[in-house]
Amino acid sequence: MNRTELREAVLATLLSIAPEVEPDQLAGARTLREQVDLDSMDWLNFLIALKERTGVDIPEADYRKLTTLDVLVDYLATRLGA
């Protein structure tokens, strides 16, 4: 997957957890959880669904690093070697 496909996968996964999200309104550099108002359980479900969609294992130790949409896409791209 390239970065565009990864971003689309992240957004599609996010919409499956929070269908009220407006993807066009998300700022890549702002904290994602604050923009979409996900509680900790929704965030965990999002990360699990993202693993299923992309095949990237996200260790629990990395959860705190994944703060913004841009950081999340970069993280997945690095893990996939994209």
PDB file of N, CA and C in Angstrom:
ATOM      1  N   MET A   1       0.837  -1.188   0.000  1.00  0.00           N
ATOM      2  CA  MET A   1       0.000   0.000   0.000  1.00  0.00           C
ATOM      3  C   MET A   1       0.878   1.247   0.000  1.00  0.00           C
ATOM      4  N   ASN A   2       0.493   2.217  -0.808  1.00  0.00           N
ATOM      5  CA  ASN A   2       1.206   3.491  -0.766  1.00  0.00           C
ATOM      6  C   ASN A   2       0.532   4.396   0.273  1.00  0.00           C
ATOM      7  N   ARG A   3       1.080   5.587   0.465  1.00  0.00           N
ATOM      8  CA  ARG A   3       0.562   6.478   1.512  1.00  0.00           C
ATOM      9  C   ARG A   3      -0.895   6.896   1.265  1.00  0.00           C
ATOM     10  N   THR A   4      -1.255   7.117   0.016  1.00  0.00           N
ATOM     11  CA  THR A   4      -2.636   7.492  -0.298  1.00  0.00           C
ATOM     12  C   THR A   4      -3.584   6.356   0.072  1.00  0.00           C
ATOM     13  N   GLU A   5      -3.222   5.142  -0.286  1.00  0.00           N
ATOM     14  CA  GLU A   5      -4.049   3.982   0.050  1.00  0.00           C
ATOM     15  C   GLU A   5      -4.123   3.781   1.564  1.00  0.00           C
ATOM     16  N   LEU A   6      -2.999   4.013   2.245  1.00  0.00           N
ATOM     17  CA  LEU A   6      -3.001   3.890   3.702  1.00  0.00           C
ATOM     18  C   LEU A   6      -3.915   4.921   4.343  1.00  0.00           C
ATOM     19  N   ARG A   7      -3.838   6.146   3.854  1.00  0.00           N
ATOM     20  CA  ARG A   7      -4.716   7.197   4.397  1.00  0.00           C
ATOM     21  C   ARG A   7      -6.181   6.829   4.169  1.00  0.00           C
ATOM     22  N   GLU A   8      -6.498   6.341   2.988  1.00  0.00           N
ATOM     23  CA  GLU A   8      -7.870   5.920   2.686  1.00  0.00           C
ATOM     24  C   GLU A   8      -8.296   4.769   3.590  1.00  0.00           C
ATOM     25  N   ALA A   9      -7.376   3.833   3.858  1.00  0.00           N
ATOM     26  CA  ALA A   9      -7.680   2.701   4.742  1.00  0.00           C
ATOM     27  C   ALA A   9      -7.933   3.184   6.167  1.00  0.00           C
ATOM     28  N   VAL A  10      -7.127   4.127   6.620  1.00  0.00           N
ATOM     29  CA  VAL A  10      -7.314   4.689   7.964  1.00  0.00           C
ATOM     30  C   VAL A  10      -8.672   5.374   8.055  1.00  0.00           C
ATOM     31  N   LEU A  11      -8.994   6.180   7.065  1.00  0.00           N
ATOM     32  CA  LEU A  11     -10.272   6.906   7.089  1.00  0.00           C
ATOM     33  C   LEU A  11     -11.461   5.952   6.987  1.00  0.00           C
ATOM     34  N   ALA A  12     -11.369   4.948   6.143  1.00  0.00           N
ATOM     35  CA  ALA A  12     -12.463   3.977   6.014  1.00  0.00           C
ATOM     36  C   ALA A  12     -12.656   3.221   7.324  1.00  0.00           C
ATOM     37  N   THR A  13     -11.559   2.867   7.965  1.00  0.00           N
ATOM     38  CA  THR A  13     -11.631   2.169   9.243  1.00  0.00           C
ATOM     39  C   THR A  13     -12.238   3.079  10.303  1.00  0.00           C
ATOM     40  N   LEU A  14     -11.821   4.317  10.304  1.00  0.00           N
ATOM     41  CA  LEU A  14     -12.354   5.290  11.254  1.00  0.00           C
ATOM     42  C   LEU A  14     -13.858   5.466  11.063  1.00  0.00           C
ATOM     43  N   LEU A  15     -14.297   5.529   9.819  1.00  0.00           N
ATOM     44  CA  LEU A  15     -15.729   5.677   9.534  1.00  0.00           C
ATOM     45  C   LEU A  15     -16.533   4.454   9.974  1.00  0.00           C
ATOM     46  N   SER A  16     -15.898   3.293   9.976  1.00  0.00           N
ATOM     47  CA  SER A  16     -16.611   2.094  10.437  1.00  0.00           C
ATOM     48  C   SER A  16     -16.837   2.136  11.946  1.00  0.00           C
ATOM     49  N   ILE A  17     -15.986   2.865  12.661  1.00  0.00           N
ATOM     50  CA  ILE A  17     -16.114   2.997  14.113  1.00  0.00           C
ATOM     51  C   ILE A  17     -16.942   4.232  14.471  1.00  0.00           C
ATOM     52  N   ALA A  18     -16.735   5.299  13.708  1.00  0.00           N
ATOM     53  CA  ALA A  18     -17.416   6.569  13.983  1.00  0.00           C
ATOM     54  C   ALA A  18     -18.005   7.113  12.681  1.00  0.00           C
ATOM     55  N   PRO A  19     -19.162   6.611  12.282  1.00  0.00           N
ATOM     56  CA  PRO A  19     -19.741   6.985  10.981  1.00  0.00           C
ATOM     57  C   PRO A  19     -20.096   8.462  10.842  1.00  0.00           C
ATOM     58  N   GLU A  20     -20.161   9.180  11.951  1.00  0.00           N
ATOM     59  CA  GLU A  20     -20.501  10.603  11.891  1.00  0.00           C
ATOM     60  C   GLU A  20     -19.309  11.475  11.495  1.00  0.00           C
ATOM     61  N   VAL A  21     -18.121  10.902  11.406  1.00  0.00           N
ATOM     62  CA  VAL A  21     -16.910  11.656  11.073  1.00  0.00           C
ATOM     63  C   VAL A  21     -16.982  12.171   9.638  1.00  0.00           C
ATOM     64  N   GLU A  22     -16.558  13.404   9.453  1.00  0.00           N
ATOM     65  CA  GLU A  22     -16.456  14.016   8.125  1.00  0.00           C
ATOM     66  C   GLU A  22     -14.984  13.971   7.721  1.00  0.00           C
ATOM     67  N   PRO A  23     -14.569  13.007   6.906  1.00  0.00           N
ATOM     68  CA  PRO A  23     -13.154  12.854   6.567  1.00  0.00           C
ATOM     69  C   PRO A  23     -12.513  14.118   5.993  1.00  0.00           C
ATOM     70  N   ASP A  24     -13.274  14.890   5.233  1.00  0.00           N
ATOM     71  CA  ASP A  24     -12.733  16.115   4.636  1.00  0.00           C
ATOM     72  C   ASP A  24     -12.419  17.181   5.676  1.00  0.00           C
ATOM     73  N   GLN A  25     -12.990  17.048   6.855  1.00  0.00           N
ATOM     74  CA  GLN A  25     -12.790  18.032   7.909  1.00  0.00           C
ATOM     75  C   GLN A  25     -11.608  17.708   8.825  1.00  0.00           C
ATOM     76  N   LEU A  26     -11.009  16.524   8.656  1.00  0.00           N
ATOM     77  CA  LEU A  26      -9.916  16.114   9.533  1.00  0.00           C
ATOM     78  C   LEU A  26      -8.605  16.769   9.125  1.00  0.00           C
ATOM     79  N   ALA A  27      -7.940  17.357  10.086  1.00  0.00           N
ATOM     80  CA  ALA A  27      -6.623  17.952   9.865  1.00  0.00           C
ATOM     81  C   ALA A  27      -5.564  16.905  10.192  1.00  0.00           C
ATOM     82  N   GLY A  28      -4.652  16.682   9.264  1.00  0.00           N
ATOM     83  CA  GLY A  28      -3.642  15.644   9.422  1.00  0.00           C
ATOM     84  C   GLY A  28      -2.720  15.829  10.595  1.00  0.00           C
ATOM     85  N   ALA A  29      -2.507  17.086  11.019  1.00  0.00           N
ATOM     86  CA  ALA A  29      -1.547  17.362  12.086  1.00  0.00           C
ATOM     87  C   ALA A  29      -2.202  17.569  13.456  1.00  0.00           C
ATOM     88  N   ARG A  30      -3.513  17.541  13.523  1.00  0.00           N
ATOM     89  CA  ARG A  30      -4.201  17.706  14.815  1.00  0.00           C
ATOM     90  C   ARG A  30      -4.471  16.344  15.441  1.00  0.00           C
ATOM     91  N   THR A  31      -4.560  16.313  16.747  1.00  0.00           N
ATOM     92  CA  THR A  31      -4.812  15.066  17.458  1.00  0.00           C
ATOM     93  C   THR A  31      -6.113  14.435  16.971  1.00  0.00           C
ATOM     94  N   LEU A  32      -5.979  13.229  16.478  1.00  0.00           N
ATOM     95  CA  LEU A  32      -7.108  12.545  15.852  1.00  0.00           C
ATOM     96  C   LEU A  32      -8.227  12.244  16.846  1.00  0.00           C
ATOM     97  N   ARG A  33      -7.877  11.747  18.014  1.00  0.00           N
ATOM     98  CA  ARG A  33      -8.920  11.406  18.994  1.00  0.00           C
ATOM     99  C   ARG A  33      -9.743  12.614  19.398  1.00  0.00           C
ATOM    100  N   GLU A  34      -9.123  13.770  19.470  1.00  0.00           N
ATOM    101  CA  GLU A  34      -9.862  14.981  19.822  1.00  0.00           C
ATOM    102  C   GLU A  34     -10.773  15.427  18.679  1.00  0.00           C
ATOM    103  N   GLN A  35     -10.310  15.249  17.455  1.00  0.00           N
ATOM    104  CA  GLN A  35     -11.111  15.672  16.305  1.00  0.00           C
ATOM    105  C   GLN A  35     -12.366  14.832  16.136  1.00  0.00           C
ATOM    106  N   VAL A  36     -12.265  13.560  16.468  1.00  0.00           N
ATOM    107  CA  VAL A  36     -13.409  12.671  16.249  1.00  0.00           C
ATOM    108  C   VAL A  36     -14.070  12.241  17.548  1.00  0.00           C
ATOM    109  N   ASP A  37     -13.550  12.722  18.665  1.00  0.00           N
ATOM    110  CA  ASP A  37     -14.136  12.481  19.985  1.00  0.00           C
ATOM    111  C   ASP A  37     -14.346  10.997  20.267  1.00  0.00           C
ATOM    112  N   LEU A  38     -13.265  10.214  20.144  1.00  0.00           N
ATOM    113  CA  LEU A  38     -13.328   8.787  20.449  1.00  0.00           C
ATOM    114  C   LEU A  38     -12.927   8.548  21.893  1.00  0.00           C
ATOM    115  N   ASP A  39     -13.702   7.726  22.584  1.00  0.00           N
ATOM    116  CA  ASP A  39     -13.276   7.338  23.923  1.00  0.00           C
ATOM    117  C   ASP A  39     -12.235   6.219  23.793  1.00  0.00           C
ATOM    118  N   SER A  40     -11.699   5.787  24.900  1.00  0.00           N
ATOM    119  CA  SER A  40     -10.600   4.815  24.856  1.00  0.00           C
ATOM    120  C   SER A  40     -11.035   3.484  24.247  1.00  0.00           C
ATOM    121  N   MET A  41     -12.265   3.067  24.477  1.00  0.00           N
ATOM    122  CA  MET A  41     -12.739   1.801  23.911  1.00  0.00           C
ATOM    123  C   MET A  41     -12.910   1.910  22.393  1.00  0.00           C
ATOM    124  N   ASP A  42     -13.463   3.023  21.930  1.00  0.00           N
ATOM    125  CA  ASP A  42     -13.597   3.233  20.485  1.00  0.00           C
ATOM    126  C   ASP A  42     -12.221   3.300  19.830  1.00  0.00           C
ATOM    127  N   TRP A  43     -11.264   3.950  20.498  1.00  0.00           N
ATOM    128  CA  TRP A  43      -9.909   4.059  19.956  1.00  0.00           C
ATOM    129  C   TRP A  43      -9.283   2.670  19.831  1.00  0.00           C
ATOM    130  N   LEU A  44      -9.449   1.846  20.845  1.00  0.00           N
ATOM    131  CA  LEU A  44      -8.924   0.485  20.807  1.00  0.00           C
ATOM    132  C   LEU A  44      -9.577  -0.304  19.680  1.00  0.00           C
ATOM    133  N   ASN A  45     -10.885  -0.195  19.539  1.00  0.00           N
ATOM    134  CA  ASN A  45     -11.592  -0.879  18.448  1.00  0.00           C
ATOM    135  C   ASN A  45     -11.103  -0.393  17.087  1.00  0.00           C
ATOM    136  N   PHE A  46     -10.833   0.892  16.985  1.00  0.00           N
ATOM    137  CA  PHE A  46     -10.304   1.469  15.746  1.00  0.00           C
ATOM    138  C   PHE A  46      -8.941   0.860  15.415  1.00  0.00           C
ATOM    139  N   LEU A  47      -8.056   0.782  16.390  1.00  0.00           N
ATOM    140  CA  LEU A  47      -6.714   0.235  16.144  1.00  0.00           C
ATOM    141  C   LEU A  47      -6.768  -1.250  15.795  1.00  0.00           C
ATOM    142  N   ILE A  48      -7.646  -1.989  16.430  1.00  0.00           N
ATOM    143  CA  ILE A  48      -7.809  -3.411  16.113  1.00  0.00           C
ATOM    144  C   ILE A  48      -8.340  -3.572  14.691  1.00  0.00           C
ATOM    145  N   ALA A  49      -9.336  -2.775  14.337  1.00  0.00           N
ATOM    146  CA  ALA A  49      -9.895  -2.840  12.980  1.00  0.00           C
ATOM    147  C   ALA A  49      -8.858  -2.412  11.941  1.00  0.00           C
ATOM    148  N   LEU A  50      -8.023  -1.453  12.301  1.00  0.00           N
ATOM    149  CA  LEU A  50      -6.968  -1.003  11.396  1.00  0.00           C
ATOM    150  C   LEU A  50      -5.956  -2.118  11.153  1.00  0.00           C
ATOM    151  N   LYS A  51      -5.633  -2.862  12.184  1.00  0.00           N
ATOM    152  CA  LYS A  51      -4.730  -4.008  12.029  1.00  0.00           C
ATOM    153  C   LYS A  51      -5.340  -5.035  11.071  1.00  0.00           C
ATOM    154  N   GLU A  52      -6.627  -5.304  11.249  1.00  0.00           N
ATOM    155  CA  GLU A  52      -7.306  -6.264  10.384  1.00  0.00           C
ATOM    156  C   GLU A  52      -7.321  -5.793   8.935  1.00  0.00           C
ATOM    157  N   ARG A  53      -7.505  -4.501   8.724  1.00  0.00           N
ATOM    158  CA  ARG A  53      -7.585  -3.952   7.364  1.00  0.00           C
ATOM    159  C   ARG A  53      -6.220  -3.903   6.677  1.00  0.00           C
ATOM    160  N   THR A  54      -5.180  -3.537   7.433  1.00  0.00           N
ATOM    161  CA  THR A  54      -3.857  -3.325   6.827  1.00  0.00           C
ATOM    162  C   THR A  54      -2.892  -4.489   7.027  1.00  0.00           C
ATOM    163  N   GLY A  55      -3.169  -5.319   8.023  1.00  0.00           N
ATOM    164  CA  GLY A  55      -2.254  -6.410   8.337  1.00  0.00           C
ATOM    165  C   GLY A  55      -1.075  -5.984   9.194  1.00  0.00           C
ATOM    166  N   VAL A  56      -1.067  -4.735   9.634  1.00  0.00           N
ATOM    167  CA  VAL A  56       0.025  -4.223  10.453  1.00  0.00           C
ATOM    168  C   VAL A  56      -0.300  -4.454  11.922  1.00  0.00           C
ATOM    169  N   ASP A  57       0.578  -5.193  12.587  1.00  0.00           N
ATOM    170  CA  ASP A  57       0.409  -5.400  14.023  1.00  0.00           C
ATOM    171  C   ASP A  57       0.843  -4.132  14.742  1.00  0.00           C
ATOM    172  N   ILE A  58      -0.034  -3.608  15.577  1.00  0.00           N
ATOM    173  CA  ILE A  58       0.263  -2.390  16.332  1.00  0.00           C
ATOM    174  C   ILE A  58       0.375  -2.783  17.804  1.00  0.00           C
ATOM    175  N   PRO A  59       1.610  -2.886  18.309  1.00  0.00           N
ATOM    176  CA  PRO A  59       1.771  -3.257  19.716  1.00  0.00           C
ATOM    177  C   PRO A  59       1.169  -2.201  20.636  1.00  0.00           C
ATOM    178  N   GLU A  60       0.661  -2.657  21.767  1.00  0.00           N
ATOM    179  CA  GLU A  60       0.041  -1.753  22.719  1.00  0.00           C
ATOM    180  C   GLU A  60       0.990  -0.633  23.140  1.00  0.00           C
ATOM    181  N   ALA A  61       2.285  -0.935  23.181  1.00  0.00           N
ATOM    182  CA  ALA A  61       3.287   0.074  23.571  1.00  0.00           C
ATOM    183  C   ALA A  61       3.315   1.254  22.600  1.00  0.00           C
ATOM    184  N   ASP A  62       2.842   1.046  21.370  1.00  0.00           N
ATOM    185  CA  ASP A  62       2.855   2.110  20.356  1.00  0.00           C
ATOM    186  C   ASP A  62       1.572   2.942  20.318  1.00  0.00           C
ATOM    187  N   TYR A  63       0.547   2.539  21.027  1.00  0.00           N
ATOM    188  CA  TYR A  63      -0.744   3.232  20.961  1.00  0.00           C
ATOM    189  C   TYR A  63      -0.608   4.727  21.238  1.00  0.00           C
ATOM    190  N   ARG A  64       0.188   5.085  22.224  1.00  0.00           N
ATOM    191  CA  ARG A  64       0.322   6.506  22.603  1.00  0.00           C
ATOM    192  C   ARG A  64       1.036   7.341  21.536  1.00  0.00           C
ATOM    193  N   LYS A  65       1.813   6.684  20.695  1.00  0.00           N
ATOM    194  CA  LYS A  65       2.551   7.395  19.638  1.00  0.00           C
ATOM    195  C   LYS A  65       1.629   7.830  18.501  1.00  0.00           C
ATOM    196  N   LEU A  66       0.525   7.154  18.349  1.00  0.00           N
ATOM    197  CA  LEU A  66      -0.352   7.343  17.195  1.00  0.00           C
ATOM    198  C   LEU A  66      -1.353   8.459  17.475  1.00  0.00           C
ATOM    199  N   THR A  67      -0.862   9.672  17.429  1.00  0.00           N
ATOM    200  CA  THR A  67      -1.651  10.821  17.869  1.00  0.00           C
ATOM    201  C   THR A  67      -2.442  11.508  16.761  1.00  0.00           C
ATOM    202  N   THR A  68      -1.856  11.629  15.590  1.00  0.00           N
ATOM    203  CA  THR A  68      -2.509  12.358  14.504  1.00  0.00           C
ATOM    204  C   THR A  68      -2.700  11.450  13.294  1.00  0.00           C
ATOM    205  N   LEU A  69      -3.502  11.894  12.372  1.00  0.00           N
ATOM    206  CA  LEU A  69      -3.709  11.143  11.137  1.00  0.00           C
ATOM    207  C   LEU A  69      -2.393  10.992  10.380  1.00  0.00           C
ATOM    208  N   ASP A  70      -1.614  12.068  10.309  1.00  0.00           N
ATOM    209  CA  ASP A  70      -0.326  12.008   9.604  1.00  0.00           C
ATOM    210  C   ASP A  70       0.633  11.038  10.274  1.00  0.00           C
ATOM    211  N   VAL A  71       0.704  11.077  11.593  1.00  0.00           N
ATOM    212  CA  VAL A  71       1.594  10.168  12.331  1.00  0.00           C
ATOM    213  C   VAL A  71       1.150   8.724  12.126  1.00  0.00           C
ATOM    214  N   LEU A  72      -0.133   8.496  12.152  1.00  0.00           N
ATOM    215  CA  LEU A  72      -0.663   7.149  11.968  1.00  0.00           C
ATOM    216  C   LEU A  72      -0.333   6.607  10.579  1.00  0.00           C
ATOM    217  N   VAL A  73      -0.516   7.416   9.553  1.00  0.00           N
ATOM    218  CA  VAL A  73      -0.184   6.996   8.186  1.00  0.00           C
ATOM    219  C   VAL A  73       1.324   6.741   8.066  1.00  0.00           C
ATOM    220  N   ASP A  74       2.151   7.612   8.629  1.00  0.00           N
ATOM    221  CA  ASP A  74       3.597   7.415   8.604  1.00  0.00           C
ATOM    222  C   ASP A  74       3.995   6.121   9.312  1.00  0.00           C
ATOM    223  N   TYR A  75       3.389   5.867  10.457  1.00  0.00           N
ATOM    224  CA  TYR A  75       3.669   4.658  11.223  1.00  0.00           C
ATOM    225  C   TYR A  75       3.345   3.419  10.393  1.00  0.00           C
ATOM    226  N   LEU A  76       2.168   3.397   9.802  1.00  0.00           N
ATOM    227  CA  LEU A  76       1.765   2.236   8.988  1.00  0.00           C
ATOM    228  C   LEU A  76       2.674   2.081   7.771  1.00  0.00           C
ATOM    229  N   ALA A  77       3.012   3.188   7.129  1.00  0.00           N
ATOM    230  CA  ALA A  77       3.888   3.139   5.952  1.00  0.00           C
ATOM    231  C   ALA A  77       5.252   2.570   6.327  1.00  0.00           C
ATOM    232  N   THR A  78       5.784   2.987   7.456  1.00  0.00           N
ATOM    233  CA  THR A  78       7.077   2.472   7.913  1.00  0.00           C
ATOM    234  C   THR A  78       6.993   0.985   8.186  1.00  0.00           C
ATOM    235  N   ARG A  79       5.941   0.567   8.872  1.00  0.00           N
ATOM    236  CA  ARG A  79       5.782  -0.846   9.216  1.00  0.00           C
ATOM    237  C   ARG A  79       5.579  -1.709   7.964  1.00  0.00           C
ATOM    238  N   LEU A  80       4.986  -1.141   6.934  1.00  0.00           N
ATOM    239  CA  LEU A  80       4.747  -1.876   5.689  1.00  0.00           C
ATOM    240  C   LEU A  80       5.910  -1.729   4.704  1.00  0.00           C
ATOM    241  N   GLY A  81       6.834  -0.839   5.026  1.00  0.00           N
ATOM    242  CA  GLY A  81       7.949  -0.596   4.110  1.00  0.00           C
ATOM    243  C   GLY A  81       7.548   0.170   2.877  1.00  0.00           C
ATOM    244  N   ALA A  82       6.484   0.968   2.994  1.00  0.00           N
ATOM    245  CA  ALA A  82       5.984   1.739   1.843  1.00  0.00           C
ATOM    246  C   ALA A  82       6.783   3.017   1.646  1.00  0.00           C
TER     247      ALA A  82
END
